[in-house]
Amino acid sequence: MAGQLGFYEIAVKEATATAQAEEKVKRDLEALYHEMWRYMLAKDIDKLDTMHTDDFVLVHMTGMRQPKEEFLRCIRDRELNYFTEKTEHIFIEVDGSKATLVGQSKVEAAVFGGSRNTWPLQLSFEVRKENGTWKLARAKASTY
């Protein structure tokens, strides 16, 4: 019958639509990573505040845990002072309204009174969708 799709054609269209939706989510999450760095370099606390969940926690390389408000204060007060960032790799896994995002960047920074250096910084994020918007919920810092 003309105009009717068979089971195979429907399955292919659904698989294609799913793959396209996943790719869009990955592009959105990659953009979130780049935006985060843009705001960290600019010390734009208001924008950083909106892109992190209220219960956000950063776990530093030392194991120190910083809740969102303390993290933002340290950026504002230049205790966490970021100068440049060059993304090298981004890995993303999506599971419904949650995702894991691992970004690897060369970052020039001076933190907690230390000298200005460039580090291979890896940030592993738990990301979740809140009211239709992807937000950074937890981060763990390490080197790579």
N, C-alpha and C. Protein backbone atom coordinates (compact mmCIF):
# COMPACT_ATOMS: atom_id res chain seq x y z
N MET A 1 0.84 -1.18 0.00
CA MET A 1 0.00 0.00 0.00
C MET A 1 0.88 1.24 0.00
N ALA A 2 0.59 2.14 -0.89
CA ALA A 2 1.37 3.37 -1.01
C ALA A 2 1.17 4.25 0.22
N GLY A 3 2.26 4.89 0.65
CA GLY A 3 2.18 5.83 1.76
C GLY A 3 2.28 5.22 3.14
N GLN A 4 2.28 3.92 3.25
CA GLN A 4 2.39 3.28 4.56
C GLN A 4 3.82 2.81 4.79
N LEU A 5 4.28 3.00 6.00
CA LEU A 5 5.62 2.53 6.35
C LEU A 5 5.53 1.14 6.95
N GLY A 6 6.48 0.32 6.59
CA GLY A 6 6.56 -0.99 7.19
C GLY A 6 7.22 -0.90 8.56
N PHE A 7 7.19 -2.00 9.28
CA PHE A 7 7.78 -2.07 10.62
C PHE A 7 9.25 -1.65 10.59
N TYR A 8 10.00 -2.14 9.61
CA TYR A 8 11.42 -1.84 9.52
C TYR A 8 11.64 -0.34 9.35
N GLU A 9 10.89 0.31 8.45
CA GLU A 9 11.06 1.74 8.23
C GLU A 9 10.73 2.55 9.48
N ILE A 10 9.71 2.13 10.21
CA ILE A 10 9.35 2.83 11.46
C ILE A 10 10.47 2.67 12.48
N ALA A 11 11.01 1.46 12.61
CA ALA A 11 12.09 1.21 13.56
C ALA A 11 13.32 2.05 13.22
N VAL A 12 13.64 2.15 11.94
CA VAL A 12 14.80 2.94 11.51
C VAL A 12 14.57 4.41 11.83
N LYS A 13 13.38 4.92 11.54
CA LYS A 13 13.08 6.34 11.84
C LYS A 13 13.16 6.61 13.34
N GLU A 14 12.64 5.69 14.15
CA GLU A 14 12.69 5.88 15.61
C GLU A 14 14.12 5.83 16.11
N ALA A 15 14.93 4.91 15.59
CA ALA A 15 16.33 4.81 16.00
C ALA A 15 17.09 6.07 15.59
N THR A 16 16.81 6.58 14.40
CA THR A 16 17.46 7.79 13.93
C THR A 16 17.08 8.98 14.81
N ALA A 17 15.79 9.09 15.14
CA ALA A 17 15.33 10.19 16.00
C ALA A 17 15.97 10.10 17.38
N THR A 18 16.10 8.90 17.93
CA THR A 18 16.73 8.70 19.24
C THR A 18 18.20 9.11 19.19
N ALA A 19 18.91 8.67 18.15
CA ALA A 19 20.33 9.02 18.01
C ALA A 19 20.50 10.52 17.86
N GLN A 20 19.62 11.17 17.11
CA GLN A 20 19.70 12.62 16.94
C GLN A 20 19.44 13.34 18.26
N ALA A 21 18.49 12.84 19.04
CA ALA A 21 18.19 13.44 20.34
C ALA A 21 19.38 13.29 21.28
N GLU A 22 20.01 12.12 21.28
CA GLU A 22 21.19 11.89 22.13
C GLU A 22 22.33 12.82 21.73
N GLU A 23 22.54 13.00 20.44
CA GLU A 23 23.60 13.89 19.96
C GLU A 23 23.33 15.33 20.38
N LYS A 24 22.06 15.75 20.33
CA LYS A 24 21.72 17.10 20.77
C LYS A 24 22.02 17.28 22.25
N VAL A 25 21.67 16.29 23.07
CA VAL A 25 21.96 16.37 24.50
C VAL A 25 23.46 16.47 24.72
N LYS A 26 24.23 15.67 24.00
CA LYS A 26 25.69 15.72 24.14
C LYS A 26 26.24 17.08 23.74
N ARG A 27 25.71 17.66 22.67
CA ARG A 27 26.15 19.01 22.27
C ARG A 27 25.78 20.04 23.34
N ASP A 28 24.57 19.90 23.92
CA ASP A 28 24.14 20.81 24.99
C ASP A 28 25.06 20.70 26.20
N LEU A 29 25.44 19.48 26.56
CA LEU A 29 26.31 19.28 27.73
C LEU A 29 27.73 19.77 27.45
N GLU A 30 28.20 19.58 26.23
CA GLU A 30 29.51 20.11 25.87
C GLU A 30 29.49 21.64 25.95
N ALA A 31 28.41 22.25 25.49
CA ALA A 31 28.27 23.71 25.58
C ALA A 31 28.24 24.16 27.03
N LEU A 32 27.59 23.38 27.89
CA LEU A 32 27.53 23.71 29.32
C LEU A 32 28.95 23.75 29.91
N TYR A 33 29.78 22.78 29.54
CA TYR A 33 31.17 22.73 30.01
C TYR A 33 31.93 24.00 29.58
N HIS A 34 31.79 24.36 28.30
CA HIS A 34 32.49 25.54 27.79
C HIS A 34 31.96 26.83 28.45
N GLU A 35 30.65 26.90 28.65
CA GLU A 35 30.07 28.06 29.33
C GLU A 35 30.60 28.18 30.76
N MET A 36 30.68 27.04 31.45
CA MET A 36 31.18 27.06 32.82
C MET A 36 32.58 27.68 32.85
N TRP A 37 33.44 27.25 31.93
CA TRP A 37 34.79 27.81 31.92
C TRP A 37 34.78 29.29 31.56
N ARG A 38 33.95 29.68 30.62
CA ARG A 38 33.87 31.09 30.24
C ARG A 38 33.50 31.93 31.47
N TYR A 39 32.52 31.46 32.25
CA TYR A 39 32.09 32.20 33.43
C TYR A 39 33.11 32.13 34.56
N MET A 40 33.82 31.01 34.67
CA MET A 40 34.86 30.92 35.72
C MET A 40 36.01 31.89 35.40
N LEU A 41 36.40 31.97 34.16
CA LEU A 41 37.48 32.89 33.78
C LEU A 41 37.04 34.34 33.98
N ALA A 42 35.78 34.63 33.71
CA ALA A 42 35.25 35.99 33.85
C ALA A 42 34.83 36.29 35.29
N LYS A 43 34.84 35.27 36.13
CA LYS A 43 34.40 35.40 37.53
C LYS A 43 32.96 35.91 37.59
N ASP A 44 32.13 35.38 36.69
CA ASP A 44 30.71 35.75 36.62
C ASP A 44 29.92 34.85 37.56
N ILE A 45 29.85 35.25 38.80
CA ILE A 45 29.23 34.45 39.86
C ILE A 45 27.75 34.24 39.60
N ASP A 46 27.06 35.25 39.09
CA ASP A 46 25.62 35.11 38.84
C ASP A 46 25.34 34.01 37.82
N LYS A 47 26.10 33.98 36.74
CA LYS A 47 25.90 32.94 35.71
C LYS A 47 26.29 31.57 36.27
N LEU A 48 27.39 31.51 37.00
CA LEU A 48 27.81 30.24 37.60
C LEU A 48 26.75 29.72 38.57
N ASP A 49 26.15 30.62 39.32
CA ASP A 49 25.12 30.24 40.28
C ASP A 49 23.95 29.54 39.57
N THR A 50 23.54 30.06 38.43
CA THR A 50 22.38 29.48 37.74
C THR A 50 22.68 28.15 37.08
N MET A 51 23.94 27.88 36.78
CA MET A 51 24.25 26.63 36.06
C MET A 51 24.61 25.47 37.00
N HIS A 52 24.66 25.74 38.30
CA HIS A 52 24.93 24.70 39.29
C HIS A 52 23.67 24.46 40.13
N THR A 53 23.44 23.22 40.50
CA THR A 53 22.30 22.92 41.37
C THR A 53 22.54 23.54 42.74
N ASP A 54 21.47 23.74 43.49
CA ASP A 54 21.60 24.32 44.82
C ASP A 54 22.44 23.43 45.74
N ASP A 55 22.40 22.11 45.52
CA ASP A 55 23.17 21.19 46.36
C ASP A 55 24.52 20.80 45.75
N PHE A 56 25.00 21.60 44.80
CA PHE A 56 26.28 21.33 44.14
C PHE A 56 27.41 21.23 45.17
N VAL A 57 28.32 20.28 44.91
CA VAL A 57 29.53 20.12 45.74
C VAL A 57 30.71 19.88 44.80
N LEU A 58 31.81 20.59 45.07
CA LEU A 58 33.07 20.35 44.37
C LEU A 58 33.99 19.61 45.32
N VAL A 59 34.52 18.49 44.87
CA VAL A 59 35.51 17.74 45.64
C VAL A 59 36.88 18.03 45.00
N HIS A 60 37.70 18.73 45.73
CA HIS A 60 39.03 19.10 45.24
C HIS A 60 39.96 17.89 45.22
N MET A 61 41.11 18.06 44.58
CA MET A 61 42.12 16.99 44.51
C MET A 61 42.57 16.56 45.90
N THR A 62 42.52 17.47 46.84
CA THR A 62 42.95 17.17 48.21
C THR A 62 41.88 16.40 48.99
N GLY A 63 40.68 16.30 48.41
CA GLY A 63 39.56 15.66 49.10
C GLY A 63 38.66 16.67 49.79
N MET A 64 39.09 17.93 49.85
CA MET A 64 38.26 18.97 50.45
C MET A 64 36.96 19.10 49.65
N ARG A 65 35.84 19.19 50.38
CA ARG A 65 34.53 19.32 49.77
C ARG A 65 34.04 20.76 49.93
N GLN A 66 33.63 21.35 48.82
CA GLN A 66 33.13 22.72 48.86
C GLN A 66 31.70 22.77 48.35
N PRO A 67 30.76 23.18 49.20
CA PRO A 67 29.40 23.38 48.71
C PRO A 67 29.35 24.61 47.79
N LYS A 68 28.29 24.71 47.05
CA LYS A 68 28.13 25.74 46.02
C LYS A 68 28.46 27.15 46.51
N GLU A 69 27.87 27.57 47.61
CA GLU A 69 28.07 28.95 48.08
C GLU A 69 29.55 29.24 48.38
N GLU A 70 30.23 28.30 49.00
CA GLU A 70 31.66 28.48 49.31
C GLU A 70 32.49 28.49 48.03
N PHE A 71 32.17 27.60 47.11
CA PHE A 71 32.85 27.53 45.81
C PHE A 71 32.73 28.87 45.08
N LEU A 72 31.52 29.40 45.00
CA LEU A 72 31.30 30.68 44.31
C LEU A 72 32.01 31.83 45.03
N ARG A 73 32.00 31.81 46.35
CA ARG A 73 32.70 32.85 47.11
C ARG A 73 34.19 32.81 46.82
N CYS A 74 34.77 31.61 46.75
CA CYS A 74 36.21 31.48 46.48
C CYS A 74 36.57 31.98 45.09
N ILE A 75 35.69 31.81 44.12
CA ILE A 75 35.94 32.36 42.79
C ILE A 75 35.83 33.88 42.84
N ARG A 76 34.78 34.39 43.47
CA ARG A 76 34.57 35.84 43.58
C ARG A 76 35.76 36.49 44.28
N ASP A 77 36.26 35.87 45.36
CA ASP A 77 37.35 36.44 46.15
C ASP A 77 38.73 36.08 45.61
N ARG A 78 38.76 35.40 44.48
CA ARG A 78 40.00 35.01 43.79
C ARG A 78 40.88 34.05 44.60
N GLU A 79 40.27 33.30 45.48
CA GLU A 79 40.98 32.20 46.12
C GLU A 79 41.13 31.05 45.13
N LEU A 80 40.14 30.91 44.27
CA LEU A 80 40.21 30.04 43.10
C LEU A 80 40.27 30.99 41.91
N ASN A 81 41.46 31.21 41.39
CA ASN A 81 41.68 32.23 40.38
C ASN A 81 42.12 31.57 39.07
N TYR A 82 41.21 31.56 38.11
CA TYR A 82 41.46 30.90 36.82
C TYR A 82 41.76 31.95 35.76
N PHE A 83 42.81 31.71 34.96
CA PHE A 83 43.25 32.68 33.96
C PHE A 83 42.99 32.23 32.54
N THR A 84 43.33 30.97 32.23
CA THR A 84 43.10 30.44 30.87
C THR A 84 42.67 28.98 30.98
N GLU A 85 42.00 28.53 29.93
CA GLU A 85 41.56 27.13 29.85
C GLU A 85 41.57 26.72 28.39
N LYS A 86 42.13 25.54 28.13
CA LYS A 86 42.10 24.98 26.77
C LYS A 86 41.59 23.55 26.88
N THR A 87 40.40 23.33 26.36
CA THR A 87 39.79 22.00 26.41
C THR A 87 40.55 21.05 25.51
N GLU A 88 40.87 19.87 26.04
CA GLU A 88 41.52 18.83 25.25
C GLU A 88 40.57 17.68 24.92
N HIS A 89 39.77 17.26 25.91
CA HIS A 89 38.85 16.14 25.70
C HIS A 89 37.59 16.34 26.54
N ILE A 90 36.47 15.89 26.00
CA ILE A 90 35.22 15.86 26.76
C ILE A 90 34.58 14.49 26.51
N PHE A 91 34.22 13.82 27.59
CA PHE A 91 33.54 12.52 27.52
C PHE A 91 32.18 12.68 28.17
N ILE A 92 31.15 12.18 27.51
CA ILE A 92 29.78 12.36 28.02
C ILE A 92 29.02 11.04 27.91
N GLU A 93 28.33 10.70 29.00
CA GLU A 93 27.40 9.57 29.01
C GLU A 93 26.08 10.08 29.56
N VAL A 94 24.99 9.78 28.84
CA VAL A 94 23.67 10.26 29.22
C VAL A 94 22.80 9.08 29.61
N ASP A 95 22.06 9.27 30.70
CA ASP A 95 21.10 8.26 31.16
C ASP A 95 19.82 8.99 31.58
N GLY A 96 18.96 9.24 30.61
CA GLY A 96 17.71 9.94 30.88
C GLY A 96 17.95 11.38 31.29
N SER A 97 17.53 11.74 32.51
CA SER A 97 17.69 13.11 32.98
C SER A 97 18.95 13.30 33.81
N LYS A 98 19.85 12.32 33.73
CA LYS A 98 21.15 12.42 34.42
C LYS A 98 22.25 12.15 33.40
N ALA A 99 23.42 12.69 33.69
CA ALA A 99 24.55 12.49 32.79
C ALA A 99 25.85 12.57 33.57
N THR A 100 26.87 11.99 32.98
CA THR A 100 28.23 12.12 33.47
C THR A 100 29.01 12.86 32.39
N LEU A 101 29.72 13.88 32.80
CA LEU A 101 30.53 14.68 31.89
C LEU A 101 31.93 14.75 32.47
N VAL A 102 32.91 14.35 31.71
CA VAL A 102 34.31 14.44 32.14
C VAL A 102 35.02 15.35 31.15
N GLY A 103 35.54 16.46 31.68
CA GLY A 103 36.27 17.39 30.85
C GLY A 103 37.74 17.40 31.24
N GLN A 104 38.59 17.36 30.24
CA GLN A 104 40.03 17.45 30.46
C GLN A 104 40.55 18.70 29.77
N SER A 105 41.13 19.58 30.56
CA SER A 105 41.59 20.88 30.04
C SER A 105 42.93 21.25 30.64
N LYS A 106 43.71 21.96 29.87
CA LYS A 106 44.91 22.61 30.40
C LYS A 106 44.44 23.94 30.99
N VAL A 107 44.66 24.11 32.30
CA VAL A 107 44.12 25.26 33.01
C VAL A 107 45.25 26.01 33.69
N GLU A 108 45.32 27.30 33.42
CA GLU A 108 46.27 28.16 34.12
C GLU A 108 45.51 28.80 35.28
N ALA A 109 46.04 28.57 36.48
CA ALA A 109 45.33 29.02 37.68
C ALA A 109 46.30 29.25 38.83
N ALA A 110 45.80 29.99 39.81
CA ALA A 110 46.46 30.14 41.10
C ALA A 110 45.37 29.89 42.13
N VAL A 111 45.54 28.87 42.95
CA VAL A 111 44.47 28.51 43.89
C VAL A 111 44.98 28.53 45.33
N PHE A 112 44.13 29.06 46.20
CA PHE A 112 44.40 29.09 47.64
C PHE A 112 45.80 29.59 47.99
N GLY A 113 46.21 30.68 47.34
CA GLY A 113 47.48 31.31 47.66
C GLY A 113 48.69 30.71 46.98
N GLY A 114 48.49 29.69 46.18
CA GLY A 114 49.61 29.07 45.46
C GLY A 114 50.04 29.91 44.28
N SER A 115 51.14 29.51 43.67
CA SER A 115 51.65 30.26 42.53
C SER A 115 50.84 29.92 41.27
N ARG A 116 50.96 30.77 40.30
CA ARG A 116 50.26 30.62 39.02
C ARG A 116 50.96 29.55 38.20
N ASN A 117 50.22 28.51 37.85
CA ASN A 117 50.75 27.39 37.06
C ASN A 117 49.70 26.90 36.09
N THR A 118 50.15 26.05 35.16
CA THR A 118 49.22 25.39 34.24
C THR A 118 49.18 23.92 34.59
N TRP A 119 47.95 23.40 34.76
CA TRP A 119 47.75 22.00 35.13
C TRP A 119 46.87 21.28 34.12
N PRO A 120 47.09 19.98 33.97
CA PRO A 120 46.14 19.16 33.22
C PRO A 120 44.99 18.79 34.17
N LEU A 121 43.94 19.58 34.16
CA LEU A 121 42.85 19.43 35.12
C LEU A 121 41.71 18.62 34.52
N GLN A 122 41.33 17.60 35.25
CA GLN A 122 40.15 16.81 34.87
C GLN A 122 39.05 17.09 35.87
N LEU A 123 37.88 17.46 35.36
CA LEU A 123 36.70 17.65 36.19
C LEU A 123 35.67 16.61 35.77
N SER A 124 35.29 15.77 36.71
CA SER A 124 34.27 14.76 36.48
C SER A 124 32.98 15.26 37.11
N PHE A 125 31.97 15.48 36.29
CA PHE A 125 30.71 16.06 36.75
C PHE A 125 29.58 15.04 36.74
N GLU A 126 28.74 15.15 37.75
CA GLU A 126 27.40 14.57 37.69
C GLU A 126 26.52 15.73 37.25
N VAL A 127 25.73 15.51 36.22
CA VAL A 127 24.86 16.54 35.68
C VAL A 127 23.44 16.01 35.74
N ARG A 128 22.49 16.90 36.04
CA ARG A 128 21.10 16.47 36.03
C ARG A 128 20.21 17.57 35.47
N LYS A 129 19.11 17.13 34.94
CA LYS A 129 18.15 18.05 34.35
C LYS A 129 17.17 18.49 35.42
N GLU A 130 17.05 19.81 35.58
CA GLU A 130 16.10 20.40 36.53
C GLU A 130 15.23 21.38 35.77
N ASN A 131 13.92 21.13 35.79
CA ASN A 131 12.97 22.01 35.09
C ASN A 131 13.38 22.25 33.64
N GLY A 132 13.83 21.18 32.98
CA GLY A 132 14.17 21.26 31.56
C GLY A 132 15.56 21.80 31.26
N THR A 133 16.36 22.10 32.30
CA THR A 133 17.69 22.68 32.10
C THR A 133 18.74 21.77 32.71
N TRP A 134 19.81 21.51 31.96
CA TRP A 134 20.93 20.73 32.49
C TRP A 134 21.72 21.58 33.46
N LYS A 135 22.01 21.02 34.65
CA LYS A 135 22.78 21.73 35.66
C LYS A 135 23.87 20.83 36.23
N LEU A 136 24.97 21.45 36.62
CA LEU A 136 26.08 20.74 37.24
C LEU A 136 25.73 20.47 38.69
N ALA A 137 25.75 19.19 39.08
CA ALA A 137 25.29 18.80 40.41
C ALA A 137 26.45 18.43 41.35
N ARG A 138 27.53 17.92 40.80
CA ARG A 138 28.68 17.50 41.61
C ARG A 138 29.88 17.49 40.70
N ALA A 139 31.03 17.83 41.25
CA ALA A 139 32.27 17.81 40.46
C ALA A 139 33.38 17.24 41.32
N LYS A 140 34.24 16.48 40.67
CA LYS A 140 35.44 15.95 41.34
C LYS A 140 36.64 16.33 40.48
N ALA A 141 37.60 17.00 41.11
CA ALA A 141 38.78 17.47 40.40
C ALA A 141 39.93 16.47 40.56
N SER A 142 40.68 16.29 39.49
CA SER A 142 41.90 15.47 39.51
C SER A 142 42.77 15.94 38.34
N THR A 143 43.93 15.35 38.22
CA THR A 143 44.76 15.60 37.04
C THR A 143 44.63 14.41 36.11
N TYR A 144 45.10 14.59 34.90
CA TYR A 144 45.09 13.49 33.94
C TYR A 144 46.42 13.40 33.23
